[in-house]
C-alpha atoms as a PDB file:
ATOM      1  CA  MET A   1     121.940  92.569 137.582  1.00  0.00           C
ATOM      2  CA  PRO A   2     125.227  92.962 135.136  1.00  0.00           C
ATOM      3  CA  LYS A   3     124.418  95.683 132.543  1.00  0.00           C
ATOM      4  CA  PRO A   4     124.928  94.695 128.549  1.00  0.00           C
ATOM      5  CA  SER A   5     128.837  94.516 127.961  1.00  0.00           C
ATOM      6  CA  PRO A   6     130.597  96.113 125.159  1.00  0.00           C
ATOM      7  CA  PRO A   7     130.696  93.767 121.942  1.00  0.00           C
ATOM      8  CA  THR A   8     134.498  93.277 123.301  1.00  0.00           C
ATOM      9  CA  GLU A   9     133.811  91.853 126.554  1.00  0.00           C
ATOM     10  CA  ASP A  10     132.770  88.584 127.691  1.00  0.00           C
ATOM     11  CA  ALA A  11     130.568  88.066 130.892  1.00  0.00           C
ATOM     12  CA  SER A  12     128.103  85.641 132.574  1.00  0.00           C
ATOM     13  CA  TRP A  13     125.164  84.780 134.737  1.00  0.00           C
ATOM     14  CA  THR A  14     123.526  81.988 136.432  1.00  0.00           C
ATOM     15  CA  SER A  15     120.188  81.907 138.429  1.00  0.00           C
ATOM     16  CA  ALA A  16     122.081  79.709 141.261  1.00  0.00           C
ATOM     17  CA  GLY A  17     121.613  81.243 144.510  1.00  0.00           C
ATOM     18  CA  LEU A  18     118.424  83.285 143.387  1.00  0.00           C
ATOM     19  CA  GLY A  19     114.815  82.928 144.020  1.00  0.00           C
ATOM     20  CA  ARG A  20     112.493  81.850 141.280  1.00  0.00           C
ATOM     21  CA  ARG A  21     111.117  85.369 141.156  1.00  0.00           C
ATOM     22  CA  GLU A  22     114.351  87.245 141.143  1.00  0.00           C
ATOM     23  CA  ALA A  23     116.063  84.843 138.739  1.00  0.00           C
ATOM     24  CA  LEU A  24     113.521  85.420 136.163  1.00  0.00           C
ATOM     25  CA  LYS A  25     113.302  88.999 136.582  1.00  0.00           C
ATOM     26  CA  GLU A  26     117.022  89.294 135.712  1.00  0.00           C
ATOM     27  CA  TRP A  27     116.947  86.496 132.943  1.00  0.00           C
ATOM     28  CA  ARG A  28     114.276  88.867 131.101  1.00  0.00           C
ATOM     29  CA  GLU A  29     116.063  92.211 132.077  1.00  0.00           C
ATOM     30  CA  TRP A  30     119.219  90.733 130.487  1.00  0.00           C
ATOM     31  CA  ALA A  31     117.047  89.287 127.261  1.00  0.00           C
ATOM     32  CA  ALA A  32     115.285  92.483 126.735  1.00  0.00           C
ATOM     33  CA  SER A  33     118.879  94.605 126.811  1.00  0.00           C
ATOM     34  CA  THR A  34     120.673  91.881 124.953  1.00  0.00           C
ATOM     35  CA  ILE A  35     118.634  89.951 122.418  1.00  0.00           C
ATOM     36  CA  ALA A  36     114.919  91.372 122.486  1.00  0.00           C
ATOM     37  CA  PRO A  37     112.006  91.728 124.625  1.00  0.00           C
ATOM     38  CA  ILE A  38     110.662  88.784 125.982  1.00  0.00           C
ATOM     39  CA  GLU A  39     107.839  87.072 128.032  1.00  0.00           C
ATOM     40  CA  VAL A  40     109.119  83.643 129.672  1.00  0.00           C
ATOM     41  CA  THR A  41     106.776  81.029 130.588  1.00  0.00           C
ATOM     42  CA  VAL A  42     108.489  78.356 132.740  1.00  0.00           C
ATOM     43  CA  PHE A  43     106.760  74.925 132.560  1.00  0.00           C
ATOM     44  CA  ASP A  44     108.014  73.947 135.805  1.00  0.00           C
ATOM     45  CA  ALA A  45     106.294  76.479 138.060  1.00  0.00           C
ATOM     46  CA  ASP A  46     108.349  75.718 141.200  1.00  0.00           C
ATOM     47  CA  SER A  47     112.062  76.558 139.659  1.00  0.00           C
ATOM     48  CA  PHE A  48     113.959  78.375 137.242  1.00  0.00           C
ATOM     49  CA  ALA A  49     117.445  77.366 136.855  1.00  0.00           C
ATOM     50  CA  ALA A  50     119.405  78.913 133.932  1.00  0.00           C
ATOM     51  CA  ARG A  51     122.770  80.402 132.981  1.00  0.00           C
ATOM     52  CA  TRP A  52     124.284  82.457 129.926  1.00  0.00           C
ATOM     53  CA  VAL A  53     127.687  83.406 128.930  1.00  0.00           C
ATOM     54  CA  SER A  54     128.268  86.045 126.863  1.00  0.00           C
ATOM     55  CA  HIS A  55     131.411  86.559 124.383  1.00  0.00           C
ATOM     56  CA  GLY A  56     132.169  89.708 122.251  1.00  0.00           C
ATOM     57  CA  VAL A  57     133.688  88.319 118.690  1.00  0.00           C
ATOM     58  CA  GLY A  58     134.254  91.215 116.548  1.00  0.00           C
ATOM     59  CA  GLN A  59     130.881  93.012 115.763  1.00  0.00           C
ATOM     60  CA  LEU A  60     128.992  89.849 116.640  1.00  0.00           C
ATOM     61  CA  ARG A  61     127.902  88.865 120.377  1.00  0.00           C
ATOM     62  CA  MET A  62     128.152  84.914 120.806  1.00  0.00           C
ATOM     63  CA  LEU A  63     125.833  83.579 123.787  1.00  0.00           C
ATOM     64  CA  GLN A  64     125.464  80.188 125.306  1.00  0.00           C
ATOM     65  CA  LEU A  65     122.121  79.751 126.567  1.00  0.00           C
ATOM     66  CA  HIS A  66     121.280  76.981 129.140  1.00  0.00           C
ATOM     67  CA  ALA A  67     117.628  77.115 130.550  1.00  0.00           C
ATOM     68  CA  PRO A  68     114.440  74.598 131.479  1.00  0.00           C
ATOM     69  CA  ALA A  69     111.497  73.796 129.668  1.00  0.00           C
ATOM     70  CA  GLN A  70     110.133  76.924 128.780  1.00  0.00           C
ATOM     71  CA  ARG A  71     108.342  78.988 126.158  1.00  0.00           C
ATOM     72  CA  VAL A  72     109.953  82.444 125.045  1.00  0.00           C
ATOM     73  CA  VAL A  73     107.851  85.045 123.313  1.00  0.00           C
ATOM     74  CA  HIS A  74     109.262  88.057 121.730  1.00  0.00           C
ATOM     75  CA  THR A  75     106.806  90.919 123.074  1.00  0.00           C
ATOM     76  CA  GLY A  76     108.609  93.831 121.360  1.00  0.00           C
ATOM     77  CA  ARG A  77     106.532  96.239 119.112  1.00  0.00           C
ATOM     78  CA  GLU A  78     106.695  94.837 115.603  1.00  0.00           C
ATOM     79  CA  GLY A  79     109.614  96.615 113.591  1.00  0.00           C
ATOM     80  CA  SER A  80     111.263  97.200 117.006  1.00  0.00           C
ATOM     81  CA  SER A  81     114.229  95.634 118.897  1.00  0.00           C
ATOM     82  CA  GLY A  82     113.335  97.244 122.114  1.00  0.00           C
ATOM     83  CA  ARG A  83     116.546  97.948 124.153  1.00  0.00           C
ATOM     84  CA  ALA A  84     118.543  95.468 122.105  1.00  0.00           C
ATOM     85  CA  ALA A  85     120.521  96.525 119.228  1.00  0.00           C
ATOM     86  CA  PRO A  86     118.413  95.564 115.737  1.00  0.00           C
ATOM     87  CA  SER A  87     120.171  92.249 115.030  1.00  0.00           C
ATOM     88  CA  ILE A  88     119.583  88.743 113.029  1.00  0.00           C
ATOM     89  CA  GLN A  89     120.021  85.997 115.322  1.00  0.00           C
ATOM     90  CA  LEU A  90     121.748  82.699 114.422  1.00  0.00           C
ATOM     91  CA  VAL A  91     120.191  80.277 116.799  1.00  0.00           C
ATOM     92  CA  TYR A  92     122.003  76.909 116.881  1.00  0.00           C
ATOM     93  CA  ALA A  93     120.295  74.088 119.023  1.00  0.00           C
ATOM     94  CA  ARG A  94     122.646  71.948 120.541  1.00  0.00           C
ATOM     95  CA  ARG A  95     120.566  70.122 123.207  1.00  0.00           C
ATOM     96  CA  GLY A  96     116.647  69.815 123.064  1.00  0.00           C
ATOM     97  CA  ALA A  97     114.569  70.700 120.205  1.00  0.00           C
ATOM     98  CA  ILE A  98     113.164  74.453 119.700  1.00  0.00           C
ATOM     99  CA  LYS A  99     109.655  74.415 118.593  1.00  0.00           C
ATOM    100  CA  THR A 100     109.417  77.956 116.544  1.00  0.00           C
ATOM    101  CA  LEU A 101     106.641  80.114 115.230  1.00  0.00           C
ATOM    102  CA  MET A 102     107.908  83.112 113.363  1.00  0.00           C
ATOM    103  CA  GLY A 103     106.227  84.762 110.085  1.00  0.00           C
ATOM    104  CA  GLY A 104     102.993  82.532 110.167  1.00  0.00           C
ATOM    105  CA  LYS A 105     105.706  79.429 109.957  1.00  0.00           C
ATOM    106  CA  ARG A 106     105.649  76.756 112.477  1.00  0.00           C
ATOM    107  CA  PHE A 107     108.992  74.480 112.127  1.00  0.00           C
ATOM    108  CA  VAL A 108     111.161  72.832 114.785  1.00  0.00           C
ATOM    109  CA  VAL A 109     114.819  73.365 115.112  1.00  0.00           C
ATOM    110  CA  GLU A 110     116.430  70.156 115.944  1.00  0.00           C
ATOM    111  CA  PRO A 111     119.986  69.697 117.764  1.00  0.00           C
ATOM    112  CA  GLY A 112     122.258  70.230 115.151  1.00  0.00           C
ATOM    113  CA  GLN A 113     120.574  72.725 113.109  1.00  0.00           C
ATOM    114  CA  PHE A 114     120.193  76.265 113.211  1.00  0.00           C
ATOM    115  CA  VAL A 115     117.561  79.011 112.193  1.00  0.00           C
ATOM    116  CA  LEU A 116     117.982  82.738 111.222  1.00  0.00           C
ATOM    117  CA  LEU A 117     115.696  85.222 113.341  1.00  0.00           C
ATOM    118  CA  ASP A 118     114.861  88.937 113.269  1.00  0.00           C
ATOM    119  CA  ASN A 119     115.028  90.324 116.427  1.00  0.00           C
ATOM    120  CA  THR A 120     113.064  93.410 115.582  1.00  0.00           C
ATOM    121  CA  ARG A 121     109.766  90.658 114.483  1.00  0.00           C
ATOM    122  CA  PHE A 122     107.594  88.658 116.407  1.00  0.00           C
ATOM    123  CA  TYR A 123     108.511  85.237 117.442  1.00  0.00           C
ATOM    124  CA  GLN A 124     108.123  82.327 119.574  1.00  0.00           C
ATOM    125  CA  MET A 125     110.146  79.657 120.560  1.00  0.00           C
ATOM    126  CA  GLU A 126     109.003  76.474 122.738  1.00  0.00           C
ATOM    127  CA  MET A 127     111.238  74.012 124.470  1.00  0.00           C
ATOM    128  CA  ASP A 128     109.667  71.240 125.940  1.00  0.00           C
ATOM    129  CA  THR A 129     112.787  69.803 128.054  1.00  0.00           C
ATOM    130  CA  GLU A 130     115.791  71.535 129.561  1.00  0.00           C
ATOM    131  CA  HIS A 131     118.076  72.909 126.482  1.00  0.00           C
ATOM    132  CA  GLU A 132     121.159  74.281 125.424  1.00  0.00           C
ATOM    133  CA  ALA A 133     121.721  76.593 122.655  1.00  0.00           C
ATOM    134  CA  LEU A 134     123.915  79.090 121.012  1.00  0.00           C
ATOM    135  CA  ASP A 135     122.740  82.615 119.879  1.00  0.00           C
ATOM    136  CA  LEU A 136     124.686  84.890 117.622  1.00  0.00           C
ATOM    137  CA  MET A 137     123.478  88.089 117.609  1.00  0.00           C
ATOM    138  CA  MET A 138     124.728  89.616 114.005  1.00  0.00           C
ATOM    139  CA  PRO A 139     123.865  93.320 113.086  1.00  0.00           C
ATOM    140  CA  GLN A 140     122.222  93.316 109.482  1.00  0.00           C
ATOM    141  CA  GLY A 141     124.601  95.869 107.630  1.00  0.00           C
ATOM    142  CA  TRP A 142     127.535  93.569 108.812  1.00  0.00           C
ATOM    143  CA  LEU A 143     125.754  90.401 107.992  1.00  0.00           C
ATOM    144  CA  GLU A 144     124.927  91.531 104.320  1.00  0.00           C
ATOM    145  CA  ARG A 145     128.382  91.507 103.592  1.00  0.00           C
ATOM    146  CA  TYR A 146     128.172  87.633 103.415  1.00  0.00           C
ATOM    147  CA  LEU A 147     124.111  87.166 102.803  1.00  0.00           C
ATOM    148  CA  PRO A 148     122.941  89.460 100.233  1.00  0.00           C
ATOM    149  CA  ASP A 149     119.282  88.997 101.203  1.00  0.00           C
ATOM    150  CA  PRO A 150     119.232  87.755 105.074  1.00  0.00           C
ATOM    151  CA  GLU A 151     115.419  87.908 105.233  1.00  0.00           C
ATOM    152  CA  ALA A 152     114.873  85.608 102.331  1.00  0.00           C
ATOM    153  CA  LEU A 153     116.798  82.875 104.658  1.00  0.00           C
ATOM    154  CA  LEU A 154     114.822  83.819 107.960  1.00  0.00           C
ATOM    155  CA  ALA A 155     112.317  81.162 109.644  1.00  0.00           C
ATOM    156  CA  ARG A 156     113.806  77.982 108.323  1.00  0.00           C
ATOM    157  CA  ALA A 157     115.836  75.116 110.130  1.00  0.00           C
ATOM    158  CA  ILE A 158     119.402  74.511 108.262  1.00  0.00           C
ATOM    159  CA  SER A 159     121.451  71.693 108.944  1.00  0.00           C
ATOM    160  CA  ALA A 160     124.753  72.619 111.033  1.00  0.00           C
ATOM    161  CA  SER A 161     125.898  69.060 110.369  1.00  0.00           C
ATOM    162  CA  GLU A 162     125.948  68.211 106.855  1.00  0.00           C
ATOM    163  CA  GLY A 163     126.856  69.512 103.484  1.00  0.00           C
ATOM    164  CA  TRP A 164     128.239  73.017 103.782  1.00  0.00           C
ATOM    165  CA  GLY A 165     126.514  73.441 106.869  1.00  0.00           C
ATOM    166  CA  ALA A 166     129.131  71.164 108.876  1.00  0.00           C
ATOM    167  CA  PRO A 167     132.236  73.312 108.553  1.00  0.00           C
ATOM    168  CA  LEU A 168     129.949  76.400 110.241  1.00  0.00           C
ATOM    169  CA  GLY A 169     128.763  73.765 113.000  1.00  0.00           C
ATOM    170  CA  ALA A 170     132.067  72.501 113.482  1.00  0.00           C
ATOM    171  CA  LEU A 171     133.496  76.117 114.223  1.00  0.00           C
ATOM    172  CA  LEU A 172     130.465  76.959 116.260  1.00  0.00           C
ATOM    173  CA  GLU A 173     131.410  73.917 118.477  1.00  0.00           C
ATOM    174  CA  ALA A 174     135.178  75.052 118.481  1.00  0.00           C
ATOM    175  CA  MET A 175     134.308  78.495 119.389  1.00  0.00           C
ATOM    176  CA  ILE A 176     131.818  77.187 122.373  1.00  0.00           C
ATOM    177  CA  ALA A 177     134.828  74.685 123.633  1.00  0.00           C
ATOM    178  CA  GLY A 178     137.735  77.408 123.878  1.00  0.00           C
ATOM    179  CA  LEU A 179     137.143  80.888 122.030  1.00  0.00           C
ATOM    180  CA  ASP A 180     139.731  82.065 124.292  1.00  0.00           C
ATOM    181  CA  ASP A 181     142.303  79.896 123.015  1.00  0.00           C
ATOM    182  CA  ALA A 182     141.520  80.382 119.064  1.00  0.00           C
ATOM    183  CA  PRO A 183     144.607  81.040 116.961  1.00  0.00           C
ATOM    184  CA  LEU A 184     142.911  83.836 115.055  1.00  0.00           C
ATOM    185  CA  PRO A 185     141.706  87.303 116.513  1.00  0.00           C
ATOM    186  CA  ARG A 186     138.180  87.422 117.336  1.00  0.00           C
ATOM    187  CA  PRO A 187     137.197  89.894 113.990  1.00  0.00           C
ATOM    188  CA  LEU A 188     138.840  87.483 111.850  1.00  0.00           C
ATOM    189  CA  ILE A 189     136.777  84.521 113.448  1.00  0.00           C
ATOM    190  CA  ALA A 190     133.811  86.673 112.766  1.00  0.00           C
ATOM    191  CA  GLU A 191     134.790  87.132 109.129  1.00  0.00           C
ATOM    192  CA  GLN A 192     135.182  83.004 108.845  1.00  0.00           C
ATOM    193  CA  ILE A 193     131.540  82.868 110.383  1.00  0.00           C
ATOM    194  CA  GLY A 194     130.086  85.103 107.642  1.00  0.00           C
ATOM    195  CA  ASN A 195     131.809  83.160 104.968  1.00  0.00           C
ATOM    196  CA  LEU A 196     131.088  79.834 105.900  1.00  0.00           C
ATOM    197  CA  LEU A 197     126.975  81.211 106.790  1.00  0.00           C
ATOM    198  CA  GLY A 198     127.129  82.182 103.119  1.00  0.00           C
ATOM    199  CA  LEU A 199     127.929  78.563 102.133  1.00  0.00           C
ATOM    200  CA  ALA A 200     125.829  76.976 104.664  1.00  0.00           C
ATOM    201  CA  THR A 201     122.778  79.209 103.170  1.00  0.00           C
ATOM    202  CA  GLY A 202     123.630  78.657  99.512  1.00  0.00           C
ATOM    203  CA  PHE A 203     124.711  82.752  99.111  1.00  0.00           C
ATOM    204  CA  PRO A 204     128.145  82.623  98.404  1.00  0.00           C
ATOM    205  CA  ASP A 205     129.324  86.018  97.170  1.00  0.00           C
ATOM    206  CA  THR A 206     130.793  85.055  93.968  1.00  0.00           C
ATOM    207  CA  GLY A 207     130.803  85.767  90.677  1.00  0.00           C
ATOM    208  CA  GLU A 208     127.697  83.553  89.828  1.00  0.00           C
ATOM    209  CA  ASN A 209     125.953  85.474  92.459  1.00  0.00           C
ATOM    210  CA  THR A 210     127.016  88.873  90.939  1.00  0.00           C
ATOM    211  CA  ARG A 211     124.979  87.867  87.700  1.00  0.00           C
ATOM    212  CA  HIS A 212     122.280  86.427  89.758  1.00  0.00           C
ATOM    213  CA  ARG A 213     121.787  89.823  91.317  1.00  0.00           C
ATOM    214  CA  GLY A 214     122.194  91.620  87.992  1.00  0.00           C
ATOM    215  CA  GLN A 215     119.464  88.985  86.427  1.00  0.00           C
ATOM    216  CA  LEU A 216     116.673  89.906  89.459  1.00  0.00           C
ATOM    217  CA  ALA A 217     117.475  93.512  88.726  1.00  0.00           C
ATOM    218  CA  ARG A 218     116.658  93.253  85.080  1.00  0.00           C
ATOM    219  CA  GLN A 219     113.551  90.902  86.079  1.00  0.00           C
ATOM    220  CA  ILE A 220     112.492  94.099  88.391  1.00  0.00           C
ATOM    221  CA  LEU A 221     113.088  96.591  85.623  1.00  0.00           C
ATOM    222  CA  ARG A 222     110.796  94.463  83.308  1.00  0.00           C
ATOM    223  CA  ARG A 223     107.928  94.048  85.475  1.00  0.00           C
ATOM    224  CA  ILE A 224     108.029  97.837  86.144  1.00  0.00           C
ATOM    225  CA  GLU A 225     108.028  98.166  81.878  1.00  0.00           C
ATOM    226  CA  SER A 226     105.149  95.583  81.794  1.00  0.00           C
ATOM    227  CA  ASP A 227     102.558  96.306  84.431  1.00  0.00           C
ATOM    228  CA  TYR A 228     103.301 100.042  85.235  1.00  0.00           C
ATOM    229  CA  ALA A 229      99.480 100.813  84.452  1.00  0.00           C
ATOM    230  CA  GLU A 230      98.430  98.780  87.494  1.00  0.00           C
ATOM    231  CA  PRO A 231      97.922 101.327  90.526  1.00  0.00           C
ATOM    232  CA  ASP A 232      98.589  98.853  93.151  1.00  0.00           C
ATOM    233  CA  LEU A 233     102.114  97.816  91.596  1.00  0.00           C
ATOM    234  CA  SER A 234     104.339  98.021  94.663  1.00  0.00           C
ATOM    235  CA  PRO A 235     107.889  97.057  95.640  1.00  0.00           C
ATOM    236  CA  GLU A 236     106.209  94.677  98.131  1.00  0.00           C
ATOM    237  CA  ARG A 237     104.151  92.807  95.569  1.00  0.00           C
ATOM    238  CA  VAL A 238     107.240  92.681  92.885  1.00  0.00           C
ATOM    239  CA  ALA A 239     109.677  91.585  95.635  1.00  0.00           C
ATOM    240  CA  GLU A 240     107.158  88.759  96.969  1.00  0.00           C
ATOM    241  CA  ASP A 241     106.445  87.655  93.349  1.00  0.00           C
ATOM    242  CA  CYS A 242     110.430  87.344  92.687  1.00  0.00           C
ATOM    243  CA  GLY A 243     110.798  85.273  96.014  1.00  0.00           C
ATOM    244  CA  ILE A 244     112.952  88.309  97.634  1.00  0.00           C
ATOM    245  CA  SER A 245     112.216  90.714 100.134  1.00  0.00           C
ATOM    246  CA  LYS A 246     111.687  94.318  99.719  1.00  0.00           C
ATOM    247  CA  ARG A 247     114.662  95.548 101.271  1.00  0.00           C
ATOM    248  CA  TYR A 248     116.968  93.181  98.744  1.00  0.00           C
ATOM    249  CA  LEU A 249     114.834  94.399  95.815  1.00  0.00           C
ATOM    250  CA  GLN A 250     115.951  97.896  97.139  1.00  0.00           C
ATOM    251  CA  THR A 251     119.295  96.849  97.249  1.00  0.00           C
ATOM    252  CA  LEU A 252     119.481  95.299  93.895  1.00  0.00           C
ATOM    253  CA  LEU A 253     118.172  98.636  92.136  1.00  0.00           C
ATOM    254  CA  ALA A 254     120.441 101.018  94.136  1.00  0.00           C
ATOM    255  CA  GLY A 255     123.117  98.985  92.859  1.00  0.00           C
ATOM    256  CA  SER A 256     122.087 100.058  89.064  1.00  0.00           C
ATOM    257  CA  GLY A 257     121.741 103.269  90.199  1.00  0.00           C
ATOM    258  CA  THR A 258     117.988 103.698  90.526  1.00  0.00           C
ATOM    259  CA  SER A 259     115.147 102.870  92.810  1.00  0.00           C
ATOM    260  CA  PHE A 260     111.342 101.234  92.426  1.00  0.00           C
ATOM    261  CA  VAL A 261     109.536 104.582  92.781  1.00  0.00           C
ATOM    262  CA  GLN A 262     112.034 106.572  90.332  1.00  0.00           C
ATOM    263  CA  GLU A 263     111.572 103.876  87.676  1.00  0.00           C
ATOM    264  CA  LEU A 264     108.079 103.009  88.225  1.00  0.00           C
ATOM    265  CA  ASN A 265     107.260 106.841  88.177  1.00  0.00           C
ATOM    266  CA  ALA A 266     109.517 107.760  85.133  1.00  0.00           C
ATOM    267  CA  THR A 267     107.541 104.782  83.118  1.00  0.00           C
ATOM    268  CA  ARG A 268     104.077 106.132  84.187  1.00  0.00           C
ATOM    269  CA  LEU A 269     105.151 109.586  82.831  1.00  0.00           C
ATOM    270  CA  ASP A 270     107.108 108.510  79.892  1.00  0.00           C
ATOM    271  CA  ARG A 271     103.745 106.631  78.613  1.00  0.00           C
ATOM    272  CA  ALA A 272     101.155 109.428  79.863  1.00  0.00           C
ATOM    273  CA  SER A 273     103.409 111.928  77.776  1.00  0.00           C
ATOM    274  CA  ASP A 274     103.028 109.637  74.763  1.00  0.00           C
ATOM    275  CA  MET A 275      99.137 109.579  75.363  1.00  0.00           C
ATOM    276  CA  LEU A 276      98.765 113.151  75.673  1.00  0.00           C
ATOM    277  CA  SER A 277     100.373 113.673  72.124  1.00  0.00           C
ATOM    278  CA  ASP A 278      98.303 110.622  70.914  1.00  0.00           C
ATOM    279  CA  ARG A 279      95.296 112.145  68.641  1.00  0.00           C
ATOM    280  CA  ARG A 280      93.223 108.851  69.296  1.00  0.00           C
ATOM    281  CA  ALA A 281      93.486 109.762  72.836  1.00  0.00           C
ATOM    282  CA  ALA A 282      92.511 113.264  72.793  1.00  0.00           C
ATOM    283  CA  GLY A 283      88.906 112.452  73.721  1.00  0.00           C
ATOM    284  CA  LEU A 284      90.723 111.510  77.205  1.00  0.00           C
ATOM    285  CA  SER A 285      90.880 113.897  80.050  1.00  0.00           C
ATOM    286  CA  VAL A 286      93.954 114.596  81.749  1.00  0.00           C
ATOM    287  CA  ALA A 287      92.866 112.448  84.755  1.00  0.00           C
ATOM    288  CA  GLU A 288      91.587 109.805  82.905  1.00  0.00           C
ATOM    289  CA  ILE A 289      95.218 109.687  81.237  1.00  0.00           C
ATOM    290  CA  ALA A 290      96.752 109.664  84.538  1.00  0.00           C
ATOM    291  CA  PHE A 291      94.375 107.001  85.706  1.00  0.00           C
ATOM    292  CA  ARG A 292      95.628 104.613  82.622  1.00  0.00           C
ATOM    293  CA  ASN A 293      98.633 104.821  83.527  1.00  0.00           C
ATOM    294  CA  GLY A 294      98.871 104.178  87.011  1.00  0.00           C
ATOM    295  CA  PHE A 295      98.301 107.192  88.644  1.00  0.00           C
ATOM    296  CA  LEU A 296      95.032 107.562  91.342  1.00  0.00           C
ATOM    297  CA  ASP A 297      95.604 111.074  91.957  1.00  0.00           C
ATOM    298  CA  ALA A 298      95.527 113.549  88.998  1.00  0.00           C
ATOM    299  CA  GLY A 299      96.929 116.352  91.072  1.00  0.00           C
ATOM    300  CA  TYR A 300      99.848 114.403  92.036  1.00  0.00           C
ATOM    301  CA  PHE A 301     100.131 113.093  88.198  1.00  0.00           C
ATOM    302  CA  ALA A 302     100.331 116.625  87.067  1.00  0.00           C
ATOM    303  CA  ARG A 303     102.746 117.814  89.706  1.00  0.00           C
ATOM    304  CA  LEU A 304     105.151 114.898  89.065  1.00  0.00           C
ATOM    305  CA  PHE A 305     104.633 115.704  85.210  1.00  0.00           C
ATOM    306  CA  ARG A 306     105.683 119.328  85.632  1.00  0.00           C
ATOM    307  CA  LYS A 307     108.477 118.261  87.869  1.00  0.00           C
ATOM    308  CA  ARG A 308     110.097 115.889  85.262  1.00  0.00           C
ATOM    309  CA  PHE A 309     108.864 117.872  81.860  1.00  0.00           C
ATOM    310  CA  GLY A 310     108.957 121.783  83.211  1.00  0.00           C
ATOM    311  CA  ILE A 311     105.307 121.918  81.960  1.00  0.00           C
ATOM    312  CA  THR A 312     101.910 120.703  82.851  1.00  0.00           C
ATOM    313  CA  PRO A 313     100.321 117.769  81.079  1.00  0.00           C
ATOM    314  CA  ARG A 314      97.870 120.495  79.749  1.00  0.00           C
ATOM    315  CA  GLU A 315     100.570 122.294  78.088  1.00  0.00           C
ATOM    316  CA  TRP A 316     102.232 119.121  76.732  1.00  0.00           C
ATOM    317  CA  ARG A 317      98.706 118.388  74.976  1.00  0.00           C
ATOM    318  CA  ALA A 318      98.460 121.719  73.567  1.00  0.00           C
ATOM    319  CA  GLY A 319     102.121 121.026  71.649  1.00  0.00           C
ATOM    320  CA  HIS A 320     104.052 122.836  73.946  1.00  0.00           C
ATOM    321  CA  ALA A 321     106.411 119.918  74.587  1.00  0.00           C
ATOM    322  CA  PRO A 322     109.907 120.493  74.430  1.00  0.00           C
ATOM    323  CA  GLN A 323     111.582 119.886  71.123  1.00  0.00           C
ATOM    324  CA  SER A 324     114.565 117.341  71.082  1.00  0.00           C
END
């Protein structure tokens, strides 16, 4: 069984000449170390015929897969890619439809379409007939240079034969036909893939996109400003309401030099300090003021308060607040 190849090397494998059990074992072993840990159910119990060809393309790995009718289930623990490197997969169907289940969504990737998957998450792909697909393994850090929020694009079929998807589909087909004869070095071809993927998915890295990111960051900060007193306000909840991933939310705020927790705690503490100085709130305990400003744990609130202002909430209420 060949070992996983470095990204710069090419390799290939075929089940020809192997018994069914041995072929399936080698197929699973290769997938576990290259794509993700998988469980394979072959619909024709008497035979298993498959082959793959692997090409390094810069930081990417392009896999050409030919396999019989089968069901493939990502069996790894959620959040883990097993022995394979964490990657976003571009799965492009060339022949045979791929029934897909991921993130609670069921959809079909028809020939001429592609889908983005995360190899650290559960997914299931079922092919009723012999099929051929291209699987492009892309490190997420590399991909984020071209797609600001890859996770927002997961689990939906996208055409590689229409609109801005057509140039990407043409490039993928050209790579399959003759990568060795390409007029550019492979790392430069990888850059072209990233740029065309941005166009195909509607996330080009343009000035307009930069403005959109700024608008989203401001929207998140306004949400914190208005809903800070809700104890269950979380980056996951705000990201879902904004239609983005938690990771992208964090990236947006990091670009503004802050974080969700930093902004939320600062807002809550500022509002709590105002209440502690307000005579109308003199009848409220420190714990009640903490609760009214989103803190469920009065001790945690007191520790954060002292860290931010240098004195305890009770000292602040007693009139020892620092004078500006």
